Amino acid sequence: MIFGFHWALLLTGILSIFFLGDALVSAIGPKPMRESFVKWGFPSWWHLVNAAVCLAVGVMLLVPALRPFGFILGALECLAIFATLIRNKEPGHLPPSVFLLGLLGVAYWGLYGFGLATAGSF
């Protein structure tokens, strides 16, 4: 327990804040971000799709009944990032998303262990 919270619940809250912040930045769509998406073969409006996915992950991580789905969607987003960066031969950008996937895994493990999440757990 840290400050009266289970450490994994605290980590999940931090991850949620990260995803919500990323949703905001993606929705604004700074020019370098939009240019990168186009360079990688996505349409110019793809930053809005990314914003929607990040918003969904951030909200689902906050709602206990939806939290397992938030972990799954967050992990799928990380895997999509891996695929995009590897396909475009930009492995130098992989470490942050590998770290993010690791944090998602640690938080899930801290809340649910190695099994599947069940109704009523956290």
PDB file of N, CA and C in Angstrom:
ATOM      1  N   MET A   1       0.836  -1.190   0.000  1.00  0.00           N
ATOM      2  CA  MET A   1       0.000   0.000   0.000  1.00  0.00           C
ATOM      3  C   MET A   1       0.876   1.247   0.000  1.00  0.00           C
ATOM      4  N   ILE A   2       0.517   2.177  -0.832  1.00  0.00           N
ATOM      5  CA  ILE A   2       1.211   3.459  -0.896  1.00  0.00           C
ATOM      6  C   ILE A   2       0.157   4.540  -0.693  1.00  0.00           C
ATOM      7  N   PHE A   3       0.297   5.340   0.343  1.00  0.00           N
ATOM      8  CA  PHE A   3      -0.667   6.395   0.668  1.00  0.00           C
ATOM      9  C   PHE A   3      -2.085   5.844   0.791  1.00  0.00           C
ATOM     10  N   GLY A   4      -2.225   4.619   1.268  1.00  0.00           N
ATOM     11  CA  GLY A   4      -3.531   4.017   1.465  1.00  0.00           C
ATOM     12  C   GLY A   4      -4.114   3.375   0.212  1.00  0.00           C
ATOM     13  N   PHE A   5      -3.348   3.346  -0.890  1.00  0.00           N
ATOM     14  CA  PHE A   5      -3.820   2.731  -2.128  1.00  0.00           C
ATOM     15  C   PHE A   5      -2.957   1.520  -2.449  1.00  0.00           C
ATOM     16  N   HIS A   6      -3.567   0.527  -3.030  1.00  0.00           N
ATOM     17  CA  HIS A   6      -2.818  -0.616  -3.538  1.00  0.00           C
ATOM     18  C   HIS A   6      -1.917  -0.105  -4.660  1.00  0.00           C
ATOM     19  N   TRP A   7      -0.654  -0.496  -4.675  1.00  0.00           N
ATOM     20  CA  TRP A   7       0.311   0.043  -5.640  1.00  0.00           C
ATOM     21  C   TRP A   7      -0.151  -0.144  -7.085  1.00  0.00           C
ATOM     22  N   ALA A   8      -0.774  -1.277  -7.397  1.00  0.00           N
ATOM     23  CA  ALA A   8      -1.199  -1.528  -8.773  1.00  0.00           C
ATOM     24  C   ALA A   8      -2.361  -0.614  -9.162  1.00  0.00           C
ATOM     25  N   LEU A   9      -3.204  -0.290  -8.191  1.00  0.00           N
ATOM     26  CA  LEU A   9      -4.304   0.637  -8.466  1.00  0.00           C
ATOM     27  C   LEU A   9      -3.754   2.037  -8.707  1.00  0.00           C
ATOM     28  N   LEU A  10      -2.738   2.417  -7.958  1.00  0.00           N
ATOM     29  CA  LEU A  10      -2.081   3.708  -8.153  1.00  0.00           C
ATOM     30  C   LEU A  10      -1.410   3.761  -9.531  1.00  0.00           C
ATOM     31  N   LEU A  11      -0.720   2.690  -9.918  1.00  0.00           N
ATOM     32  CA  LEU A  11      -0.084   2.617 -11.229  1.00  0.00           C
ATOM     33  C   LEU A  11      -1.126   2.673 -12.344  1.00  0.00           C
ATOM     34  N   THR A  12      -2.247   2.016 -12.141  1.00  0.00           N
ATOM     35  CA  THR A  12      -3.320   2.051 -13.137  1.00  0.00           C
ATOM     36  C   THR A  12      -3.853   3.468 -13.290  1.00  0.00           C
ATOM     37  N   GLY A  13      -3.989   4.197 -12.190  1.00  0.00           N
ATOM     38  CA  GLY A  13      -4.420   5.591 -12.266  1.00  0.00           C
ATOM     39  C   GLY A  13      -3.425   6.453 -13.025  1.00  0.00           C
ATOM     40  N   ILE A  14      -2.142   6.229 -12.788  1.00  0.00           N
ATOM     41  CA  ILE A  14      -1.109   6.977 -13.510  1.00  0.00           C
ATOM     42  C   ILE A  14      -1.159   6.645 -14.999  1.00  0.00           C
ATOM     43  N   LEU A  15      -1.330   5.378 -15.327  1.00  0.00           N
ATOM     44  CA  LEU A  15      -1.459   4.983 -16.736  1.00  0.00           C
ATOM     45  C   LEU A  15      -2.689   5.628 -17.377  1.00  0.00           C
ATOM     46  N   SER A  16      -3.782   5.688 -16.631  1.00  0.00           N
ATOM     47  CA  SER A  16      -4.992   6.318 -17.135  1.00  0.00           C
ATOM     48  C   SER A  16      -4.742   7.791 -17.449  1.00  0.00           C
ATOM     49  N   ILE A  17      -4.065   8.476 -16.540  1.00  0.00           N
ATOM     50  CA  ILE A  17      -3.742   9.891 -16.768  1.00  0.00           C
ATOM     51  C   ILE A  17      -2.855  10.034 -18.002  1.00  0.00           C
ATOM     52  N   PHE A  18      -1.895   9.127 -18.173  1.00  0.00           N
ATOM     53  CA  PHE A  18      -1.043   9.171 -19.355  1.00  0.00           C
ATOM     54  C   PHE A  18      -1.875   9.032 -20.629  1.00  0.00           C
ATOM     55  N   PHE A  19      -2.766   8.041 -20.666  1.00  0.00           N
ATOM     56  CA  PHE A  19      -3.565   7.819 -21.867  1.00  0.00           C
ATOM     57  C   PHE A  19      -4.512   8.995 -22.129  1.00  0.00           C
ATOM     58  N   LEU A  20      -5.079   9.564 -21.082  1.00  0.00           N
ATOM     59  CA  LEU A  20      -5.959  10.727 -21.267  1.00  0.00           C
ATOM     60  C   LEU A  20      -5.171  11.933 -21.775  1.00  0.00           C
ATOM     61  N   GLY A  21      -3.960  12.120 -21.265  1.00  0.00           N
ATOM     62  CA  GLY A  21      -3.108  13.200 -21.764  1.00  0.00           C
ATOM     63  C   GLY A  21      -2.713  12.979 -23.207  1.00  0.00           C
ATOM     64  N   ASP A  22      -2.395  11.734 -23.543  1.00  0.00           N
ATOM     65  CA  ASP A  22      -2.054  11.413 -24.925  1.00  0.00           C
ATOM     66  C   ASP A  22      -3.255  11.639 -25.839  1.00  0.00           C
ATOM     67  N   ALA A  23      -4.442  11.348 -25.345  1.00  0.00           N
ATOM     68  CA  ALA A  23      -5.652  11.596 -26.140  1.00  0.00           C
ATOM     69  C   ALA A  23      -5.796  13.083 -26.440  1.00  0.00           C
ATOM     70  N   LEU A  24      -5.536  13.913 -25.448  1.00  0.00           N
ATOM     71  CA  LEU A  24      -5.635  15.358 -25.645  1.00  0.00           C
ATOM     72  C   LEU A  24      -4.613  15.843 -26.668  1.00  0.00           C
ATOM     73  N   VAL A  25      -3.372  15.409 -26.518  1.00  0.00           N
ATOM     74  CA  VAL A  25      -2.326  15.820 -27.467  1.00  0.00           C
ATOM     75  C   VAL A  25      -2.647  15.305 -28.869  1.00  0.00           C
ATOM     76  N   SER A  26      -3.098  14.068 -28.971  1.00  0.00           N
ATOM     77  CA  SER A  26      -3.437  13.507 -30.282  1.00  0.00           C
ATOM     78  C   SER A  26      -4.618  14.225 -30.916  1.00  0.00           C
ATOM     79  N   ALA A  27      -5.588  14.621 -30.106  1.00  0.00           N
ATOM     80  CA  ALA A  27      -6.744  15.344 -30.646  1.00  0.00           C
ATOM     81  C   ALA A  27      -6.320  16.701 -31.196  1.00  0.00           C
ATOM     82  N   ILE A  28      -5.395  17.361 -30.510  1.00  0.00           N
ATOM     83  CA  ILE A  28      -4.879  18.636 -31.012  1.00  0.00           C
ATOM     84  C   ILE A  28      -4.092  18.393 -32.289  1.00  0.00           C
ATOM     85  N   GLY A  29      -3.348  17.303 -32.327  1.00  0.00           N
ATOM     86  CA  GLY A  29      -2.633  16.903 -33.530  1.00  0.00           C
ATOM     87  C   GLY A  29      -1.533  17.851 -33.957  1.00  0.00           C
ATOM     88  N   PRO A  30      -0.468  17.969 -33.159  1.00  0.00           N
ATOM     89  CA  PRO A  30       0.637  18.826 -33.576  1.00  0.00           C
ATOM     90  C   PRO A  30       1.163  18.408 -34.953  1.00  0.00           C
ATOM     91  N   LYS A  31       1.680  19.366 -35.689  1.00  0.00           N
ATOM     92  CA  LYS A  31       2.121  19.116 -37.058  1.00  0.00           C
ATOM     93  C   LYS A  31       3.112  17.960 -37.178  1.00  0.00           C
ATOM     94  N   PRO A  32       4.142  17.868 -36.312  1.00  0.00           N
ATOM     95  CA  PRO A  32       5.066  16.729 -36.440  1.00  0.00           C
ATOM     96  C   PRO A  32       4.372  15.370 -36.275  1.00  0.00           C
ATOM     97  N   MET A  33       3.373  15.302 -35.391  1.00  0.00           N
ATOM     98  CA  MET A  33       2.645  14.053 -35.190  1.00  0.00           C
ATOM     99  C   MET A  33       1.864  13.695 -36.453  1.00  0.00           C
ATOM    100  N   ARG A  34       1.165  14.672 -37.010  1.00  0.00           N
ATOM    101  CA  ARG A  34       0.390  14.423 -38.234  1.00  0.00           C
ATOM    102  C   ARG A  34       1.304  14.016 -39.379  1.00  0.00           C
ATOM    103  N   GLU A  35       2.457  14.672 -39.492  1.00  0.00           N
ATOM    104  CA  GLU A  35       3.411  14.332 -40.551  1.00  0.00           C
ATOM    105  C   GLU A  35       3.948  12.920 -40.382  1.00  0.00           C
ATOM    106  N   SER A  36       4.186  12.513 -39.144  1.00  0.00           N
ATOM    107  CA  SER A  36       4.666  11.145 -38.900  1.00  0.00           C
ATOM    108  C   SER A  36       3.624  10.119 -39.302  1.00  0.00           C
ATOM    109  N   PHE A  37       2.368  10.356 -38.957  1.00  0.00           N
ATOM    110  CA  PHE A  37       1.305   9.417 -39.349  1.00  0.00           C
ATOM    111  C   PHE A  37       1.226   9.295 -40.867  1.00  0.00           C
ATOM    112  N   VAL A  38       1.316  10.417 -41.572  1.00  0.00           N
ATOM    113  CA  VAL A  38       1.259  10.388 -43.038  1.00  0.00           C
ATOM    114  C   VAL A  38       2.475   9.652 -43.590  1.00  0.00           C
ATOM    115  N   LYS A  39       3.653   9.908 -43.010  1.00  0.00           N
ATOM    116  CA  LYS A  39       4.882   9.245 -43.447  1.00  0.00           C
ATOM    117  C   LYS A  39       4.766   7.728 -43.281  1.00  0.00           C
ATOM    118  N   TRP A  40       4.075   7.292 -42.230  1.00  0.00           N
ATOM    119  CA  TRP A  40       3.915   5.873 -41.970  1.00  0.00           C
ATOM    120  C   TRP A  40       2.770   5.238 -42.768  1.00  0.00           C
ATOM    121  N   GLY A  41       2.111   6.025 -43.602  1.00  0.00           N
ATOM    122  CA  GLY A  41       1.081   5.475 -44.473  1.00  0.00           C
ATOM    123  C   GLY A  41      -0.344   5.622 -43.973  1.00  0.00           C
ATOM    124  N   PHE A  42      -0.561   6.396 -42.931  1.00  0.00           N
ATOM    125  CA  PHE A  42      -1.903   6.618 -42.416  1.00  0.00           C
ATOM    126  C   PHE A  42      -2.478   7.902 -43.011  1.00  0.00           C
ATOM    127  N   PRO A  43      -3.800   8.041 -43.022  1.00  0.00           N
ATOM    128  CA  PRO A  43      -4.393   9.297 -43.504  1.00  0.00           C
ATOM    129  C   PRO A  43      -4.064  10.459 -42.556  1.00  0.00           C
ATOM    130  N   SER A  44      -4.181  11.664 -43.063  1.00  0.00           N
ATOM    131  CA  SER A  44      -3.808  12.854 -42.278  1.00  0.00           C
ATOM    132  C   SER A  44      -4.661  13.030 -41.027  1.00  0.00           C
ATOM    133  N   TRP A  45      -5.853  12.466 -41.000  1.00  0.00           N
ATOM    134  CA  TRP A  45      -6.746  12.591 -39.845  1.00  0.00           C
ATOM    135  C   TRP A  45      -6.557  11.454 -38.840  1.00  0.00           C
ATOM    136  N   TRP A  46      -5.555  10.596 -39.024  1.00  0.00           N
ATOM    137  CA  TRP A  46      -5.380   9.430 -38.160  1.00  0.00           C
ATOM    138  C   TRP A  46      -5.110   9.809 -36.711  1.00  0.00           C
ATOM    139  N   HIS A  47      -4.594  11.008 -36.485  1.00  0.00           N
ATOM    140  CA  HIS A  47      -4.344  11.440 -35.107  1.00  0.00           C
ATOM    141  C   HIS A  47      -5.638  11.462 -34.302  1.00  0.00           C
ATOM    142  N   LEU A  48      -6.767  11.672 -34.976  1.00  0.00           N
ATOM    143  CA  LEU A  48      -8.066  11.662 -34.283  1.00  0.00           C
ATOM    144  C   LEU A  48      -8.471  10.239 -33.878  1.00  0.00           C
ATOM    145  N   VAL A  49      -8.135   9.270 -34.716  1.00  0.00           N
ATOM    146  CA  VAL A  49      -8.392   7.870 -34.360  1.00  0.00           C
ATOM    147  C   VAL A  49      -7.541   7.495 -33.151  1.00  0.00           C
ATOM    148  N   ASN A  50      -6.274   7.899 -33.191  1.00  0.00           N
ATOM    149  CA  ASN A  50      -5.382   7.639 -32.057  1.00  0.00           C
ATOM    150  C   ASN A  50      -5.922   8.300 -30.787  1.00  0.00           C
ATOM    151  N   ALA A  51      -6.430   9.513 -30.922  1.00  0.00           N
ATOM    152  CA  ALA A  51      -7.002  10.221 -29.768  1.00  0.00           C
ATOM    153  C   ALA A  51      -8.194   9.455 -29.200  1.00  0.00           C
ATOM    154  N   ALA A  52      -9.049   8.949 -30.071  1.00  0.00           N
ATOM    155  CA  ALA A  52     -10.229   8.207 -29.614  1.00  0.00           C
ATOM    156  C   ALA A  52      -9.834   6.924 -28.880  1.00  0.00           C
ATOM    157  N   VAL A  53      -8.843   6.215 -29.419  1.00  0.00           N
ATOM    158  CA  VAL A  53      -8.398   4.972 -28.773  1.00  0.00           C
ATOM    159  C   VAL A  53      -7.778   5.282 -27.414  1.00  0.00           C
ATOM    160  N   CYS A  54      -6.922   6.304 -27.352  1.00  0.00           N
ATOM    161  CA  CYS A  54      -6.292   6.670 -26.072  1.00  0.00           C
ATOM    162  C   CYS A  54      -7.337   7.129 -25.057  1.00  0.00           C
ATOM    163  N   LEU A  55      -8.330   7.873 -25.504  1.00  0.00           N
ATOM    164  CA  LEU A  55      -9.403   8.307 -24.616  1.00  0.00           C
ATOM    165  C   LEU A  55     -10.159   7.097 -24.071  1.00  0.00           C
ATOM    166  N   ALA A  56     -10.457   6.138 -24.951  1.00  0.00           N
ATOM    167  CA  ALA A  56     -11.163   4.929 -24.516  1.00  0.00           C
ATOM    168  C   ALA A  56     -10.343   4.157 -23.487  1.00  0.00           C
ATOM    169  N   VAL A  57      -9.044   3.997 -23.741  1.00  0.00           N
ATOM    170  CA  VAL A  57      -8.187   3.273 -22.791  1.00  0.00           C
ATOM    171  C   VAL A  57      -8.155   4.002 -21.451  1.00  0.00           C
ATOM    172  N   GLY A  58      -7.950   5.319 -21.493  1.00  0.00           N
ATOM    173  CA  GLY A  58      -7.868   6.097 -20.259  1.00  0.00           C
ATOM    174  C   GLY A  58      -9.128   6.007 -19.425  1.00  0.00           C
ATOM    175  N   VAL A  59     -10.279   6.089 -20.068  1.00  0.00           N
ATOM    176  CA  VAL A  59     -11.555   6.016 -19.345  1.00  0.00           C
ATOM    177  C   VAL A  59     -11.789   4.602 -18.812  1.00  0.00           C
ATOM    178  N   MET A  60     -11.520   3.593 -19.649  1.00  0.00           N
ATOM    179  CA  MET A  60     -11.753   2.216 -19.208  1.00  0.00           C
ATOM    180  C   MET A  60     -10.860   1.836 -18.029  1.00  0.00           C
ATOM    181  N   LEU A  61      -9.641   2.360 -17.995  1.00  0.00           N
ATOM    182  CA  LEU A  61      -8.768   2.054 -16.858  1.00  0.00           C
ATOM    183  C   LEU A  61      -9.288   2.658 -15.561  1.00  0.00           C
ATOM    184  N   LEU A  62     -10.093   3.711 -15.651  1.00  0.00           N
ATOM    185  CA  LEU A  62     -10.655   4.349 -14.460  1.00  0.00           C
ATOM    186  C   LEU A  62     -11.901   3.642 -13.926  1.00  0.00           C
ATOM    187  N   VAL A  63     -12.617   2.930 -14.788  1.00  0.00           N
ATOM    188  CA  VAL A  63     -13.874   2.282 -14.410  1.00  0.00           C
ATOM    189  C   VAL A  63     -13.587   0.817 -14.065  1.00  0.00           C
ATOM    190  N   PRO A  64     -13.752   0.431 -12.809  1.00  0.00           N
ATOM    191  CA  PRO A  64     -13.377  -0.928 -12.401  1.00  0.00           C
ATOM    192  C   PRO A  64     -13.965  -2.042 -13.266  1.00  0.00           C
ATOM    193  N   ALA A  65     -15.215  -1.934 -13.654  1.00  0.00           N
ATOM    194  CA  ALA A  65     -15.838  -2.997 -14.448  1.00  0.00           C
ATOM    195  C   ALA A  65     -15.249  -3.075 -15.861  1.00  0.00           C
ATOM    196  N   LEU A  66     -14.712  -1.965 -16.351  1.00  0.00           N
ATOM    197  CA  LEU A  66     -14.155  -1.921 -17.704  1.00  0.00           C
ATOM    198  C   LEU A  66     -12.632  -2.027 -17.723  1.00  0.00           C
ATOM    199  N   ARG A  67     -12.019  -2.018 -16.557  1.00  0.00           N
ATOM    200  CA  ARG A  67     -10.560  -1.974 -16.460  1.00  0.00           C
ATOM    201  C   ARG A  67      -9.853  -3.082 -17.235  1.00  0.00           C
ATOM    202  N   PRO A  68     -10.302  -4.345 -17.163  1.00  0.00           N
ATOM    203  CA  PRO A  68      -9.608  -5.380 -17.945  1.00  0.00           C
ATOM    204  C   PRO A  68      -9.625  -5.084 -19.445  1.00  0.00           C
ATOM    205  N   PHE A  69     -10.728  -4.526 -19.946  1.00  0.00           N
ATOM    206  CA  PHE A  69     -10.798  -4.179 -21.361  1.00  0.00           C
ATOM    207  C   PHE A  69      -9.855  -3.023 -21.688  1.00  0.00           C
ATOM    208  N   GLY A  70      -9.675  -2.115 -20.740  1.00  0.00           N
ATOM    209  CA  GLY A  70      -8.727  -1.026 -20.917  1.00  0.00           C
ATOM    210  C   GLY A  70      -7.306  -1.546 -21.039  1.00  0.00           C
ATOM    211  N   PHE A  71      -6.971  -2.539 -20.209  1.00  0.00           N
ATOM    212  CA  PHE A  71      -5.645  -3.146 -20.305  1.00  0.00           C
ATOM    213  C   PHE A  71      -5.460  -3.825 -21.663  1.00  0.00           C
ATOM    214  N   ILE A  72      -6.480  -4.528 -22.112  1.00  0.00           N
ATOM    215  CA  ILE A  72      -6.391  -5.219 -23.400  1.00  0.00           C
ATOM    216  C   ILE A  72      -6.238  -4.209 -24.538  1.00  0.00           C
ATOM    217  N   LEU A  73      -7.076  -3.167 -24.555  1.00  0.00           N
ATOM    218  CA  LEU A  73      -6.998  -2.170 -25.621  1.00  0.00           C
ATOM    219  C   LEU A  73      -5.668  -1.420 -25.573  1.00  0.00           C
ATOM    220  N   GLY A  74      -5.179  -1.117 -24.379  1.00  0.00           N
ATOM    221  CA  GLY A  74      -3.878  -0.465 -24.258  1.00  0.00           C
ATOM    222  C   GLY A  74      -2.757  -1.341 -24.799  1.00  0.00           C
ATOM    223  N   ALA A  75      -2.806  -2.632 -24.487  1.00  0.00           N
ATOM    224  CA  ALA A  75      -1.798  -3.560 -24.996  1.00  0.00           C
ATOM    225  C   ALA A  75      -1.888  -3.678 -26.518  1.00  0.00           C
ATOM    226  N   LEU A  76      -3.109  -3.713 -27.048  1.00  0.00           N
ATOM    227  CA  LEU A  76      -3.274  -3.776 -28.504  1.00  0.00           C
ATOM    228  C   LEU A  76      -2.735  -2.517 -29.178  1.00  0.00           C
ATOM    229  N   GLU A  77      -2.924  -1.376 -28.541  1.00  0.00           N
ATOM    230  CA  GLU A  77      -2.366  -0.148 -29.110  1.00  0.00           C
ATOM    231  C   GLU A  77      -0.844  -0.217 -29.129  1.00  0.00           C
ATOM    232  N   CYS A  78      -0.247  -0.717 -28.055  1.00  0.00           N
ATOM    233  CA  CYS A  78       1.211  -0.866 -28.030  1.00  0.00           C
ATOM    234  C   CYS A  78       1.679  -1.802 -29.149  1.00  0.00           C
ATOM    235  N   LEU A  79       0.968  -2.903 -29.359  1.00  0.00           N
ATOM    236  CA  LEU A  79       1.333  -3.832 -30.419  1.00  0.00           C
ATOM    237  C   LEU A  79       1.188  -3.189 -31.796  1.00  0.00           C
ATOM    238  N   ALA A  80       0.173  -2.347 -31.970  1.00  0.00           N
ATOM    239  CA  ALA A  80       0.016  -1.626 -33.241  1.00  0.00           C
ATOM    240  C   ALA A  80       1.169  -0.649 -33.450  1.00  0.00           C
ATOM    241  N   ILE A  81       1.608  -0.021 -32.374  1.00  0.00           N
ATOM    242  CA  ILE A  81       2.769   0.871 -32.462  1.00  0.00           C
ATOM    243  C   ILE A  81       4.002   0.066 -32.866  1.00  0.00           C
ATOM    244  N   PHE A  82       4.206  -1.096 -32.241  1.00  0.00           N
ATOM    245  CA  PHE A  82       5.347  -1.938 -32.593  1.00  0.00           C
ATOM    246  C   PHE A  82       5.311  -2.276 -34.079  1.00  0.00           C
ATOM    247  N   ALA A  83       4.162  -2.726 -34.551  1.00  0.00           N
ATOM    248  CA  ALA A  83       4.034  -3.119 -35.955  1.00  0.00           C
ATOM    249  C   ALA A  83       4.331  -1.950 -36.891  1.00  0.00           C
ATOM    250  N   THR A  84       3.810  -0.784 -36.564  1.00  0.00           N
ATOM    251  CA  THR A  84       4.030   0.392 -37.407  1.00  0.00           C
ATOM    252  C   THR A  84       5.500   0.773 -37.447  1.00  0.00           C
ATOM    253  N   LEU A  85       6.134   0.809 -36.289  1.00  0.00           N
ATOM    254  CA  LEU A  85       7.538   1.223 -36.242  1.00  0.00           C
ATOM    255  C   LEU A  85       8.455   0.193 -36.891  1.00  0.00           C
ATOM    256  N   ILE A  86       8.170  -1.075 -36.699  1.00  0.00           N
ATOM    257  CA  ILE A  86       8.992  -2.114 -37.321  1.00  0.00           C
ATOM    258  C   ILE A  86       8.797  -2.119 -38.835  1.00  0.00           C
ATOM    259  N   ARG A  87       7.552  -1.979 -39.285  1.00  0.00           N
ATOM    260  CA  ARG A  87       7.265  -1.961 -40.726  1.00  0.00           C
ATOM    261  C   ARG A  87       7.960  -0.787 -41.404  1.00  0.00           C
ATOM    262  N   ASN A  88       8.058   0.332 -40.691  1.00  0.00           N
ATOM    263  CA  ASN A  88       8.675   1.526 -41.260  1.00  0.00           C
ATOM    264  C   ASN A  88      10.152   1.664 -40.879  1.00  0.00           C
ATOM    265  N   LYS A  89      10.717   0.588 -40.349  1.00  0.00           N
ATOM    266  CA  LYS A  89      12.146   0.533 -40.010  1.00  0.00           C
ATOM    267  C   LYS A  89      12.591   1.701 -39.139  1.00  0.00           C
ATOM    268  N   GLU A  90      11.837   1.931 -38.056  1.00  0.00           N
ATOM    269  CA  GLU A  90      12.176   2.962 -37.082  1.00  0.00           C
ATOM    270  C   GLU A  90      12.215   2.363 -35.667  1.00  0.00           C
ATOM    271  N   PRO A  91      13.106   1.385 -35.458  1.00  0.00           N
ATOM    272  CA  PRO A  91      13.147   0.728 -34.149  1.00  0.00           C
ATOM    273  C   PRO A  91      13.631   1.639 -33.026  1.00  0.00           C
ATOM    274  N   GLY A  92      14.224   2.760 -33.343  1.00  0.00           N
ATOM    275  CA  GLY A  92      14.691   3.678 -32.320  1.00  0.00           C
ATOM    276  C   GLY A  92      13.568   4.277 -31.489  1.00  0.00           C
ATOM    277  N   HIS A  93      12.350   4.240 -32.027  1.00  0.00           N
ATOM    278  CA  HIS A  93      11.202   4.785 -31.307  1.00  0.00           C
ATOM    279  C   HIS A  93      10.458   3.724 -30.490  1.00  0.00           C
ATOM    280  N   LEU A  94      10.955   2.489 -30.501  1.00  0.00           N
ATOM    281  CA  LEU A  94      10.272   1.397 -29.789  1.00  0.00           C
ATOM    282  C   LEU A  94      10.377   1.451 -28.262  1.00  0.00           C
ATOM    283  N   PRO A  95      11.500   1.863 -27.665  1.00  0.00           N
ATOM    284  CA  PRO A  95      11.619   1.758 -26.202  1.00  0.00           C
ATOM    285  C   PRO A  95      10.482   2.379 -25.388  1.00  0.00           C
ATOM    286  N   PRO A  96       9.960   3.576 -25.712  1.00  0.00           N
ATOM    287  CA  PRO A  96       8.863   4.092 -24.882  1.00  0.00           C
ATOM    288  C   PRO A  96       7.615   3.207 -24.915  1.00  0.00           C
ATOM    289  N   SER A  97       7.288   2.666 -26.084  1.00  0.00           N
ATOM    290  CA  SER A  97       6.088   1.829 -26.148  1.00  0.00           C
ATOM    291  C   SER A  97       6.326   0.458 -25.512  1.00  0.00           C
ATOM    292  N   VAL A  98       7.561  -0.033 -25.543  1.00  0.00           N
ATOM    293  CA  VAL A  98       7.879  -1.280 -24.837  1.00  0.00           C
ATOM    294  C   VAL A  98       7.736  -1.052 -23.336  1.00  0.00           C
ATOM    295  N   PHE A  99       8.228   0.078 -22.853  1.00  0.00           N
ATOM    296  CA  PHE A  99       8.101   0.436 -21.437  1.00  0.00           C
ATOM    297  C   PHE A  99       6.626   0.559 -21.044  1.00  0.00           C
ATOM    298  N   LEU A 100       5.826   1.207 -21.904  1.00  0.00           N
ATOM    299  CA  LEU A 100       4.393   1.357 -21.644  1.00  0.00           C
ATOM    300  C   LEU A 100       3.707  -0.005 -21.564  1.00  0.00           C
ATOM    301  N   LEU A 101       4.022  -0.890 -22.496  1.00  0.00           N
ATOM    302  CA  LEU A 101       3.436  -2.229 -22.462  1.00  0.00           C
ATOM    303  C   LEU A 101       3.844  -2.962 -21.187  1.00  0.00           C
ATOM    304  N   GLY A 102       5.093  -2.789 -20.778  1.00  0.00           N
ATOM    305  CA  GLY A 102       5.548  -3.398 -19.533  1.00  0.00           C
ATOM    306  C   GLY A 102       4.787  -2.879 -18.331  1.00  0.00           C
ATOM    307  N   LEU A 103       4.571  -1.561 -18.270  1.00  0.00           N
ATOM    308  CA  LEU A 103       3.804  -0.986 -17.157  1.00  0.00           C
ATOM    309  C   LEU A 103       2.362  -1.490 -17.157  1.00  0.00           C
ATOM    310  N   LEU A 104       1.758  -1.606 -18.334  1.00  0.00           N
ATOM    311  CA  LEU A 104       0.400  -2.161 -18.415  1.00  0.00           C
ATOM    312  C   LEU A 104       0.377  -3.586 -17.878  1.00  0.00           C
ATOM    313  N   GLY A 105       1.383  -4.372 -18.249  1.00  0.00           N
ATOM    314  CA  GLY A 105       1.456  -5.755 -17.781  1.00  0.00           C
ATOM    315  C   GLY A 105       1.652  -5.847 -16.276  1.00  0.00           C
ATOM    316  N   VAL A 106       2.517  -5.007 -15.732  1.00  0.00           N
ATOM    317  CA  VAL A 106       2.772  -5.018 -14.289  1.00  0.00           C
ATOM    318  C   VAL A 106       1.516  -4.599 -13.521  1.00  0.00           C
ATOM    319  N   ALA A 107       0.825  -3.562 -14.012  1.00  0.00           N
ATOM    320  CA  ALA A 107      -0.393  -3.104 -13.337  1.00  0.00           C
ATOM    321  C   ALA A 107      -1.479  -4.182 -13.385  1.00  0.00           C
ATOM    322  N   TYR A 108      -1.636  -4.821 -14.550  1.00  0.00           N
ATOM    323  CA  TYR A 108      -2.628  -5.896 -14.661  1.00  0.00           C
ATOM    324  C   TYR A 108      -2.281  -7.029 -13.696  1.00  0.00           C
ATOM    325  N   TRP A 109      -1.009  -7.433 -13.691  1.00  0.00           N
ATOM    326  CA  TRP A 109      -0.575  -8.508 -12.804  1.00  0.00           C
ATOM    327  C   TRP A 109      -0.810  -8.139 -11.345  1.00  0.00           C
ATOM    328  N   GLY A 110      -0.538  -6.887 -10.984  1.00  0.00           N
ATOM    329  CA  GLY A 110      -0.743  -6.455  -9.612  1.00  0.00           C
ATOM    330  C   GLY A 110      -2.199  -6.491  -9.183  1.00  0.00           C
ATOM    331  N   LEU A 111      -3.097  -6.258 -10.129  1.00  0.00           N
ATOM    332  CA  LEU A 111      -4.526  -6.262  -9.798  1.00  0.00           C
ATOM    333  C   LEU A 111      -5.167  -7.639  -9.909  1.00  0.00           C
ATOM    334  N   TYR A 112      -4.772  -8.404 -10.935  1.00  0.00           N
ATOM    335  CA  TYR A 112      -5.487  -9.646 -11.233  1.00  0.00           C
ATOM    336  C   TYR A 112      -4.620 -10.902 -11.174  1.00  0.00           C
ATOM    337  N   GLY A 113      -3.319 -10.755 -10.987  1.00  0.00           N
ATOM    338  CA  GLY A 113      -2.444 -11.908 -10.996  1.00  0.00           C
ATOM    339  C   GLY A 113      -2.257 -12.412 -12.411  1.00  0.00           C
ATOM    340  N   PHE A 114      -1.962 -13.693 -12.528  1.00  0.00           N
ATOM    341  CA  PHE A 114      -1.723 -14.264 -13.847  1.00  0.00           C
ATOM    342  C   PHE A 114      -2.995 -14.744 -14.522  1.00  0.00           C
ATOM    343  N   GLY A 115      -4.104 -14.730 -13.816  1.00  0.00           N
ATOM    344  CA  GLY A 115      -5.358 -15.213 -14.381  1.00  0.00           C
ATOM    345  C   GLY A 115      -6.143 -14.108 -15.055  1.00  0.00           C
ATOM    346  N   LEU A 116      -7.282 -14.493 -15.555  1.00  0.00           N
ATOM    347  CA  LEU A 116      -8.186 -13.526 -16.170  1.00  0.00           C
ATOM    348  C   LEU A 116      -8.935 -12.769 -15.071  1.00  0.00           C
ATOM    349  N   ALA A 117      -9.227 -11.521 -15.348  1.00  0.00           N
ATOM    350  CA  ALA A 117      -9.987 -10.717 -14.389  1.00  0.00           C
ATOM    351  C   ALA A 117     -11.405 -11.253 -14.282  1.00  0.00           C
ATOM    352  N   THR A 118     -11.945 -11.228 -13.082  1.00  0.00           N
ATOM    353  CA  THR A 118     -13.305 -11.704 -12.872  1.00  0.00           C
ATOM    354  C   THR A 118     -14.175 -10.553 -12.390  1.00  0.00           C
ATOM    355  N   ALA A 119     -15.459 -10.727 -12.511  1.00  0.00           N
ATOM    356  CA  ALA A 119     -16.396  -9.693 -12.048  1.00  0.00           C
ATOM    357  C   ALA A 119     -16.217  -9.466 -10.553  1.00  0.00           C
ATOM    358  N   GLY A 120     -16.183  -8.218 -10.169  1.00  0.00           N
ATOM    359  CA  GLY A 120     -16.086  -7.866  -8.770  1.00  0.00           C
ATOM    360  C   GLY A 120     -14.663  -7.744  -8.240  1.00  0.00           C
ATOM    361  N   SER A 121     -13.667  -8.009  -9.104  1.00  0.00           N
ATOM    362  CA  SER A 121     -12.287  -7.860  -8.637  1.00  0.00           C
ATOM    363  C   SER A 121     -11.788  -6.474  -8.996  1.00  0.00           C
ATOM    364  N   PHE A 122     -11.512  -5.691  -7.976  1.00  0.00           N
ATOM    365  CA  PHE A 122     -11.081  -4.295  -8.103  1.00  0.00           C
ATOM    366  C   PHE A 122     -12.020  -3.588  -9.029  1.00  0.00           C
TER     367      PHE A 122
END
